[in-house]
Amino acid sequence: MPNDAMDIIAVLDNSATSDFSSPVIVENQVLGTVNQGMGLYTPQPFSLESLDDGTSVILTNQENALIRYVGRITDTSKFSAKFVDALAWLLASHLAGPVIKGDAGMKMSQVCYQAFIASFNSAATSDANNQRRDINQSVSWMVNR
């Protein structure tokens, strides 16, 4: 498993052009790709396990598998502006109490936290709308019908 992987989204056949398409194989012969661009996704089964030495591995019967995964981003210049805004409001809510003493600090902390919630929701919506695909799940035995 890649060192920066936080979550595995899909295991793909190495001949797939994307994880929204799947090759048609009949009697060990690839006849072509079906459902390309139509949003039909054939998931490849996989399992996440740990070896005795603690190494994380992905187990699958898919030969020469490729994966799509969520990676850990440590370069802050790649953070979206909306995420940075939400993070700033969260940090402000944590710092308001120690910086501003008494009831005023507690109220300011609550105001900053409410601004964080609104900013976070906006960032999550924006992130979800960056790529929209209607995915119709399919299993391999149905593709062969």
N, C-alpha and C. Protein backbone atom coordinates (compact mmCIF):
# COMPACT_ATOMS: atom_id res chain seq x y z
N MET A 1 0.85 -1.16 0.00
CA MET A 1 0.00 0.00 0.00
C MET A 1 0.91 1.23 0.00
N PRO A 2 0.55 2.27 -0.76
CA PRO A 2 1.39 3.48 -0.77
C PRO A 2 1.49 4.09 0.63
N ASN A 3 2.65 4.69 0.91
CA ASN A 3 2.88 5.28 2.23
C ASN A 3 1.93 6.42 2.54
N ASP A 4 1.50 7.17 1.51
CA ASP A 4 0.64 8.33 1.74
C ASP A 4 -0.85 7.99 1.65
N ALA A 5 -1.21 6.70 1.52
CA ALA A 5 -2.62 6.31 1.37
C ALA A 5 -3.35 6.42 2.69
N MET A 6 -4.47 7.15 2.67
CA MET A 6 -5.33 7.25 3.84
C MET A 6 -6.55 6.36 3.69
N ASP A 7 -7.03 6.19 2.45
CA ASP A 7 -8.20 5.36 2.18
C ASP A 7 -8.12 4.85 0.75
N ILE A 8 -8.43 3.58 0.54
CA ILE A 8 -8.44 3.00 -0.79
C ILE A 8 -9.86 3.12 -1.33
N ILE A 9 -10.01 3.73 -2.50
CA ILE A 9 -11.33 3.94 -3.10
C ILE A 9 -11.68 2.81 -4.04
N ALA A 10 -10.73 2.41 -4.89
CA ALA A 10 -11.04 1.38 -5.88
C ALA A 10 -9.78 0.62 -6.27
N VAL A 11 -9.97 -0.65 -6.59
CA VAL A 11 -8.93 -1.47 -7.20
C VAL A 11 -9.36 -1.68 -8.64
N LEU A 12 -8.45 -1.40 -9.58
CA LEU A 12 -8.77 -1.41 -10.99
C LEU A 12 -7.96 -2.45 -11.74
N ASP A 13 -8.53 -2.95 -12.80
CA ASP A 13 -7.81 -3.77 -13.74
C ASP A 13 -6.83 -2.85 -14.46
N ASN A 14 -5.61 -3.32 -14.73
CA ASN A 14 -4.62 -2.43 -15.35
C ASN A 14 -4.97 -2.04 -16.78
N SER A 15 -5.98 -2.70 -17.39
CA SER A 15 -6.40 -2.30 -18.74
C SER A 15 -7.57 -1.32 -18.72
N ALA A 16 -8.10 -1.02 -17.54
CA ALA A 16 -9.23 -0.09 -17.44
C ALA A 16 -8.75 1.32 -17.74
N THR A 17 -9.52 2.05 -18.54
CA THR A 17 -9.17 3.43 -18.84
C THR A 17 -9.53 4.35 -17.67
N SER A 18 -10.46 3.93 -16.87
CA SER A 18 -10.83 4.63 -15.64
C SER A 18 -11.57 3.62 -14.78
N ASP A 19 -11.91 4.01 -13.58
CA ASP A 19 -12.68 3.07 -12.76
C ASP A 19 -14.17 3.17 -13.03
N PHE A 20 -14.53 3.86 -14.12
CA PHE A 20 -15.91 3.94 -14.56
C PHE A 20 -16.11 3.15 -15.85
N SER A 21 -15.17 2.23 -16.14
CA SER A 21 -15.30 1.37 -17.31
C SER A 21 -14.71 0.00 -16.97
N SER A 22 -15.02 -0.99 -17.77
CA SER A 22 -14.52 -2.31 -17.52
C SER A 22 -14.38 -3.09 -18.82
N PRO A 23 -13.30 -3.88 -18.96
CA PRO A 23 -13.12 -4.62 -20.21
C PRO A 23 -14.08 -5.80 -20.29
N VAL A 24 -14.49 -6.14 -21.51
CA VAL A 24 -15.31 -7.33 -21.74
C VAL A 24 -14.35 -8.45 -22.13
N ILE A 25 -14.31 -9.51 -21.33
CA ILE A 25 -13.42 -10.63 -21.58
C ILE A 25 -14.27 -11.88 -21.75
N VAL A 26 -14.15 -12.53 -22.89
CA VAL A 26 -14.86 -13.76 -23.16
C VAL A 26 -13.83 -14.80 -23.56
N GLU A 27 -13.80 -15.90 -22.83
CA GLU A 27 -12.85 -16.99 -23.09
C GLU A 27 -11.42 -16.45 -23.19
N ASN A 28 -11.02 -15.69 -22.18
CA ASN A 28 -9.69 -15.11 -22.06
C ASN A 28 -9.31 -14.18 -23.20
N GLN A 29 -10.27 -13.63 -23.91
CA GLN A 29 -10.00 -12.68 -24.99
C GLN A 29 -10.72 -11.38 -24.68
N VAL A 30 -9.98 -10.28 -24.70
CA VAL A 30 -10.57 -8.97 -24.45
C VAL A 30 -11.28 -8.52 -25.72
N LEU A 31 -12.61 -8.36 -25.62
CA LEU A 31 -13.40 -7.95 -26.78
C LEU A 31 -13.54 -6.44 -26.89
N GLY A 32 -13.23 -5.74 -25.82
CA GLY A 32 -13.36 -4.29 -25.83
C GLY A 32 -13.72 -3.79 -24.44
N THR A 33 -14.05 -2.52 -24.36
CA THR A 33 -14.42 -1.90 -23.10
C THR A 33 -15.88 -1.52 -23.14
N VAL A 34 -16.61 -1.90 -22.11
CA VAL A 34 -18.03 -1.56 -22.04
C VAL A 34 -18.24 -0.46 -21.02
N ASN A 35 -19.34 0.25 -21.21
CA ASN A 35 -19.81 1.25 -20.25
C ASN A 35 -18.86 2.42 -20.07
N GLN A 36 -17.91 2.58 -20.99
CA GLN A 36 -16.96 3.68 -20.87
C GLN A 36 -17.70 5.00 -21.01
N GLY A 37 -17.55 5.86 -20.00
CA GLY A 37 -18.18 7.16 -20.03
C GLY A 37 -19.67 7.14 -19.69
N MET A 38 -20.22 5.96 -19.40
CA MET A 38 -21.64 5.89 -19.08
C MET A 38 -21.88 5.86 -17.58
N GLY A 39 -20.84 5.85 -16.79
CA GLY A 39 -20.99 5.89 -15.35
C GLY A 39 -21.19 4.54 -14.70
N LEU A 40 -21.03 3.44 -15.43
CA LEU A 40 -21.20 2.12 -14.84
C LEU A 40 -19.85 1.62 -14.37
N TYR A 41 -19.74 1.27 -13.12
CA TYR A 41 -18.47 0.93 -12.51
C TYR A 41 -18.52 -0.50 -11.99
N THR A 42 -17.57 -1.31 -12.40
CA THR A 42 -17.48 -2.68 -11.93
C THR A 42 -16.37 -2.76 -10.88
N PRO A 43 -16.73 -2.85 -9.61
CA PRO A 43 -15.69 -2.88 -8.57
C PRO A 43 -14.92 -4.19 -8.58
N GLN A 44 -13.63 -4.10 -8.30
CA GLN A 44 -12.79 -5.28 -8.14
C GLN A 44 -12.67 -5.53 -6.64
N PRO A 45 -12.93 -6.75 -6.19
CA PRO A 45 -12.87 -7.02 -4.75
C PRO A 45 -11.44 -6.91 -4.22
N PHE A 46 -11.33 -6.38 -3.00
CA PHE A 46 -10.03 -6.28 -2.35
C PHE A 46 -10.22 -6.29 -0.84
N SER A 47 -9.13 -6.51 -0.14
CA SER A 47 -9.15 -6.53 1.31
C SER A 47 -7.89 -5.84 1.82
N LEU A 48 -8.01 -5.06 2.87
CA LEU A 48 -6.86 -4.41 3.49
C LEU A 48 -6.43 -5.24 4.70
N GLU A 49 -5.17 -5.60 4.75
CA GLU A 49 -4.64 -6.45 5.80
C GLU A 49 -3.33 -5.88 6.31
N SER A 50 -2.87 -6.40 7.45
CA SER A 50 -1.56 -6.05 8.00
C SER A 50 -0.73 -7.31 8.11
N LEU A 51 0.52 -7.22 7.68
CA LEU A 51 1.44 -8.34 7.83
C LEU A 51 1.94 -8.41 9.26
N ASP A 52 2.65 -9.46 9.59
CA ASP A 52 3.17 -9.64 10.95
C ASP A 52 4.09 -8.50 11.39
N ASP A 53 4.80 -7.90 10.42
CA ASP A 53 5.71 -6.80 10.76
C ASP A 53 5.01 -5.44 10.80
N GLY A 54 3.67 -5.41 10.60
CA GLY A 54 2.90 -4.17 10.68
C GLY A 54 2.71 -3.47 9.35
N THR A 55 3.28 -4.01 8.28
CA THR A 55 3.13 -3.42 6.96
C THR A 55 1.71 -3.60 6.45
N SER A 56 1.09 -2.53 5.97
CA SER A 56 -0.26 -2.60 5.41
C SER A 56 -0.18 -3.04 3.96
N VAL A 57 -1.04 -3.99 3.58
CA VAL A 57 -1.07 -4.49 2.21
C VAL A 57 -2.50 -4.54 1.71
N ILE A 58 -2.64 -4.52 0.38
CA ILE A 58 -3.94 -4.65 -0.27
C ILE A 58 -3.96 -6.02 -0.92
N LEU A 59 -4.94 -6.84 -0.56
CA LEU A 59 -5.07 -8.16 -1.14
C LEU A 59 -6.19 -8.17 -2.16
N THR A 60 -5.89 -8.67 -3.36
CA THR A 60 -6.88 -8.77 -4.42
C THR A 60 -6.48 -9.88 -5.37
N ASN A 61 -7.44 -10.45 -6.05
CA ASN A 61 -7.15 -11.46 -7.07
C ASN A 61 -6.90 -10.82 -8.42
N GLN A 62 -7.01 -9.50 -8.50
CA GLN A 62 -6.80 -8.76 -9.74
C GLN A 62 -5.31 -8.73 -10.05
N GLU A 63 -4.92 -9.29 -11.20
CA GLU A 63 -3.52 -9.31 -11.61
C GLU A 63 -3.09 -7.91 -12.03
N ASN A 64 -1.88 -7.50 -11.64
CA ASN A 64 -1.33 -6.19 -11.99
C ASN A 64 -2.32 -5.06 -11.70
N ALA A 65 -2.87 -5.07 -10.52
CA ALA A 65 -3.92 -4.13 -10.15
C ALA A 65 -3.38 -2.71 -10.00
N LEU A 66 -4.25 -1.75 -10.32
CA LEU A 66 -4.01 -0.34 -10.06
C LEU A 66 -5.00 0.08 -8.99
N ILE A 67 -4.67 1.13 -8.23
CA ILE A 67 -5.62 1.60 -7.22
C ILE A 67 -5.87 3.09 -7.38
N ARG A 68 -7.06 3.49 -6.95
CA ARG A 68 -7.39 4.91 -6.79
C ARG A 68 -7.57 5.09 -5.30
N TYR A 69 -6.89 6.09 -4.72
CA TYR A 69 -6.92 6.24 -3.27
C TYR A 69 -6.87 7.71 -2.86
N VAL A 70 -7.22 7.93 -1.60
CA VAL A 70 -7.11 9.26 -0.99
C VAL A 70 -5.73 9.35 -0.38
N GLY A 71 -4.95 10.32 -0.82
CA GLY A 71 -3.58 10.47 -0.32
C GLY A 71 -3.47 11.58 0.70
N ARG A 72 -2.49 11.44 1.56
CA ARG A 72 -2.22 12.47 2.58
C ARG A 72 -1.47 13.62 1.92
N ILE A 73 -2.01 14.82 2.00
CA ILE A 73 -1.37 16.00 1.41
C ILE A 73 -0.66 16.76 2.52
N THR A 74 0.65 16.90 2.38
CA THR A 74 1.43 17.64 3.38
C THR A 74 1.89 18.99 2.86
N ASP A 75 1.75 19.21 1.56
CA ASP A 75 2.10 20.50 0.96
C ASP A 75 0.90 21.43 1.10
N THR A 76 1.00 22.38 2.02
CA THR A 76 -0.15 23.26 2.31
C THR A 76 -0.53 24.16 1.15
N SER A 77 0.33 24.32 0.17
CA SER A 77 -0.03 25.14 -0.99
C SER A 77 -1.08 24.45 -1.85
N LYS A 78 -1.31 23.16 -1.62
CA LYS A 78 -2.32 22.43 -2.38
C LYS A 78 -3.68 22.44 -1.70
N PHE A 79 -3.79 23.02 -0.50
CA PHE A 79 -5.07 23.11 0.19
C PHE A 79 -5.96 24.11 -0.53
N SER A 80 -7.26 23.80 -0.61
CA SER A 80 -8.19 24.74 -1.25
C SER A 80 -8.39 25.96 -0.35
N ALA A 81 -8.78 27.06 -0.96
CA ALA A 81 -8.99 28.31 -0.21
C ALA A 81 -10.11 28.14 0.81
N LYS A 82 -11.15 27.41 0.46
CA LYS A 82 -12.26 27.22 1.40
C LYS A 82 -11.85 26.36 2.59
N PHE A 83 -10.98 25.37 2.36
CA PHE A 83 -10.48 24.57 3.46
C PHE A 83 -9.62 25.41 4.40
N VAL A 84 -8.76 26.26 3.83
CA VAL A 84 -7.90 27.13 4.65
C VAL A 84 -8.76 28.08 5.49
N ASP A 85 -9.82 28.61 4.91
CA ASP A 85 -10.73 29.49 5.65
C ASP A 85 -11.38 28.74 6.81
N ALA A 86 -11.86 27.53 6.55
CA ALA A 86 -12.49 26.74 7.61
C ALA A 86 -11.49 26.42 8.73
N LEU A 87 -10.27 26.05 8.35
CA LEU A 87 -9.24 25.75 9.35
C LEU A 87 -8.91 26.96 10.20
N ALA A 88 -8.85 28.14 9.56
CA ALA A 88 -8.56 29.37 10.30
C ALA A 88 -9.65 29.65 11.34
N TRP A 89 -10.92 29.45 10.97
CA TRP A 89 -12.01 29.67 11.92
C TRP A 89 -11.95 28.66 13.07
N LEU A 90 -11.58 27.42 12.78
CA LEU A 90 -11.46 26.42 13.84
C LEU A 90 -10.34 26.79 14.81
N LEU A 91 -9.20 27.18 14.27
CA LEU A 91 -8.09 27.60 15.13
C LEU A 91 -8.47 28.83 15.95
N ALA A 92 -9.19 29.77 15.35
CA ALA A 92 -9.64 30.96 16.07
C ALA A 92 -10.56 30.58 17.22
N SER A 93 -11.43 29.58 17.00
CA SER A 93 -12.34 29.17 18.07
C SER A 93 -11.57 28.55 19.23
N HIS A 94 -10.46 27.87 18.93
CA HIS A 94 -9.65 27.28 20.01
C HIS A 94 -8.82 28.34 20.75
N LEU A 95 -8.43 29.39 20.06
CA LEU A 95 -7.59 30.41 20.67
C LEU A 95 -8.36 31.54 21.33
N ALA A 96 -9.62 31.72 20.99
CA ALA A 96 -10.39 32.86 21.51
C ALA A 96 -10.48 32.85 23.04
N GLY A 97 -10.72 31.69 23.62
CA GLY A 97 -10.84 31.60 25.08
C GLY A 97 -9.57 31.99 25.81
N PRO A 98 -8.42 31.42 25.46
CA PRO A 98 -7.18 31.79 26.16
C PRO A 98 -6.74 33.24 25.91
N VAL A 99 -7.05 33.80 24.74
CA VAL A 99 -6.61 35.15 24.41
C VAL A 99 -7.54 36.19 25.03
N ILE A 100 -8.86 35.97 24.91
CA ILE A 100 -9.85 36.89 25.47
C ILE A 100 -10.43 36.21 26.71
N LYS A 101 -10.18 36.76 27.86
CA LYS A 101 -10.58 36.12 29.12
C LYS A 101 -12.06 36.35 29.44
N GLY A 102 -12.62 35.45 30.23
CA GLY A 102 -13.97 35.60 30.75
C GLY A 102 -15.05 35.21 29.76
N ASP A 103 -16.26 35.75 30.04
CA ASP A 103 -17.43 35.44 29.21
C ASP A 103 -17.27 35.93 27.77
N ALA A 104 -16.58 37.04 27.58
CA ALA A 104 -16.37 37.56 26.23
C ALA A 104 -15.57 36.57 25.40
N GLY A 105 -14.57 35.93 26.00
CA GLY A 105 -13.75 34.94 25.30
C GLY A 105 -14.56 33.71 24.94
N MET A 106 -15.43 33.29 25.88
CA MET A 106 -16.26 32.12 25.61
C MET A 106 -17.25 32.42 24.48
N LYS A 107 -17.85 33.60 24.50
CA LYS A 107 -18.79 33.97 23.43
C LYS A 107 -18.08 34.08 22.08
N MET A 108 -16.87 34.68 22.07
CA MET A 108 -16.12 34.81 20.83
C MET A 108 -15.73 33.43 20.30
N SER A 109 -15.39 32.51 21.20
CA SER A 109 -15.06 31.14 20.80
C SER A 109 -16.25 30.47 20.13
N GLN A 110 -17.44 30.68 20.68
CA GLN A 110 -18.66 30.11 20.09
C GLN A 110 -18.97 30.72 18.72
N VAL A 111 -18.77 32.03 18.60
CA VAL A 111 -19.00 32.72 17.32
C VAL A 111 -18.03 32.18 16.26
N CYS A 112 -16.76 32.03 16.64
CA CYS A 112 -15.77 31.50 15.71
C CYS A 112 -16.08 30.05 15.33
N TYR A 113 -16.57 29.27 16.28
CA TYR A 113 -16.89 27.87 15.98
C TYR A 113 -18.09 27.79 15.02
N GLN A 114 -19.07 28.65 15.21
CA GLN A 114 -20.21 28.68 14.29
C GLN A 114 -19.75 29.09 12.89
N ALA A 115 -18.83 30.03 12.82
CA ALA A 115 -18.28 30.43 11.51
C ALA A 115 -17.50 29.27 10.89
N PHE A 116 -16.81 28.49 11.74
CA PHE A 116 -16.11 27.30 11.23
C PHE A 116 -17.10 26.31 10.63
N ILE A 117 -18.20 26.03 11.33
CA ILE A 117 -19.20 25.07 10.83
C ILE A 117 -19.72 25.52 9.47
N ALA A 118 -20.07 26.80 9.34
CA ALA A 118 -20.59 27.31 8.07
C ALA A 118 -19.53 27.22 6.97
N SER A 119 -18.30 27.58 7.30
CA SER A 119 -17.22 27.55 6.32
C SER A 119 -16.86 26.12 5.93
N PHE A 120 -16.88 25.21 6.90
CA PHE A 120 -16.59 23.80 6.63
C PHE A 120 -17.65 23.19 5.72
N ASN A 121 -18.92 23.48 5.99
CA ASN A 121 -19.99 22.97 5.14
C ASN A 121 -19.85 23.48 3.71
N SER A 122 -19.49 24.74 3.57
CA SER A 122 -19.29 25.32 2.24
C SER A 122 -18.11 24.63 1.53
N ALA A 123 -17.03 24.39 2.26
CA ALA A 123 -15.85 23.72 1.68
C ALA A 123 -16.18 22.29 1.28
N ALA A 124 -16.93 21.58 2.12
CA ALA A 124 -17.29 20.19 1.81
C ALA A 124 -18.18 20.13 0.57
N THR A 125 -19.13 21.05 0.47
CA THR A 125 -20.01 21.10 -0.71
C THR A 125 -19.21 21.41 -1.96
N SER A 126 -18.32 22.37 -1.86
CA SER A 126 -17.49 22.74 -3.01
C SER A 126 -16.62 21.57 -3.45
N ASP A 127 -16.04 20.86 -2.48
CA ASP A 127 -15.20 19.70 -2.79
C ASP A 127 -16.01 18.59 -3.45
N ALA A 128 -17.20 18.34 -2.95
CA ALA A 128 -18.05 17.30 -3.51
C ALA A 128 -18.50 17.63 -4.93
N ASN A 129 -18.63 18.91 -5.24
CA ASN A 129 -19.08 19.34 -6.57
C ASN A 129 -17.95 19.46 -7.58
N ASN A 130 -16.70 19.27 -7.15
CA ASN A 130 -15.58 19.38 -8.08
C ASN A 130 -15.67 18.36 -9.19
N GLN A 131 -16.13 17.17 -8.89
CA GLN A 131 -16.31 16.14 -9.91
C GLN A 131 -17.61 15.42 -9.61
N ARG A 132 -18.48 15.39 -10.58
CA ARG A 132 -19.76 14.73 -10.38
C ARG A 132 -19.92 13.66 -11.43
N ARG A 133 -20.12 12.45 -10.97
CA ARG A 133 -20.42 11.33 -11.87
C ARG A 133 -21.52 10.52 -11.21
N ASP A 134 -22.50 10.16 -12.00
CA ASP A 134 -23.55 9.28 -11.51
C ASP A 134 -23.05 7.85 -11.69
N ILE A 135 -22.76 7.20 -10.59
CA ILE A 135 -22.19 5.86 -10.65
C ILE A 135 -23.27 4.83 -10.39
N ASN A 136 -23.47 3.95 -11.36
CA ASN A 136 -24.38 2.83 -11.21
C ASN A 136 -23.54 1.61 -10.89
N GLN A 137 -23.62 1.11 -9.68
CA GLN A 137 -22.79 -0.04 -9.29
C GLN A 137 -23.19 -1.26 -10.08
N SER A 138 -22.21 -2.06 -10.46
CA SER A 138 -22.45 -3.27 -11.19
C SER A 138 -21.46 -4.33 -10.69
N VAL A 139 -21.83 -5.55 -10.74
CA VAL A 139 -20.92 -6.64 -10.36
C VAL A 139 -20.54 -7.41 -11.60
N SER A 140 -19.38 -8.08 -11.57
CA SER A 140 -18.83 -8.70 -12.76
C SER A 140 -19.76 -9.73 -13.37
N TRP A 141 -20.52 -10.49 -12.56
CA TRP A 141 -21.38 -11.51 -13.14
C TRP A 141 -22.55 -10.91 -13.90
N MET A 142 -22.93 -9.65 -13.60
CA MET A 142 -24.01 -9.00 -14.35
C MET A 142 -23.51 -8.42 -15.66
N VAL A 143 -22.24 -7.98 -15.71
CA VAL A 143 -21.69 -7.43 -16.93
C VAL A 143 -21.64 -8.50 -18.01
N ASN A 144 -21.43 -9.77 -17.62
CA ASN A 144 -21.31 -10.85 -18.58
C ASN A 144 -22.65 -11.36 -19.10
N ARG A 145 -23.75 -10.82 -18.61
CA ARG A 145 -25.08 -11.27 -19.05
C ARG A 145 -25.39 -10.83 -20.45
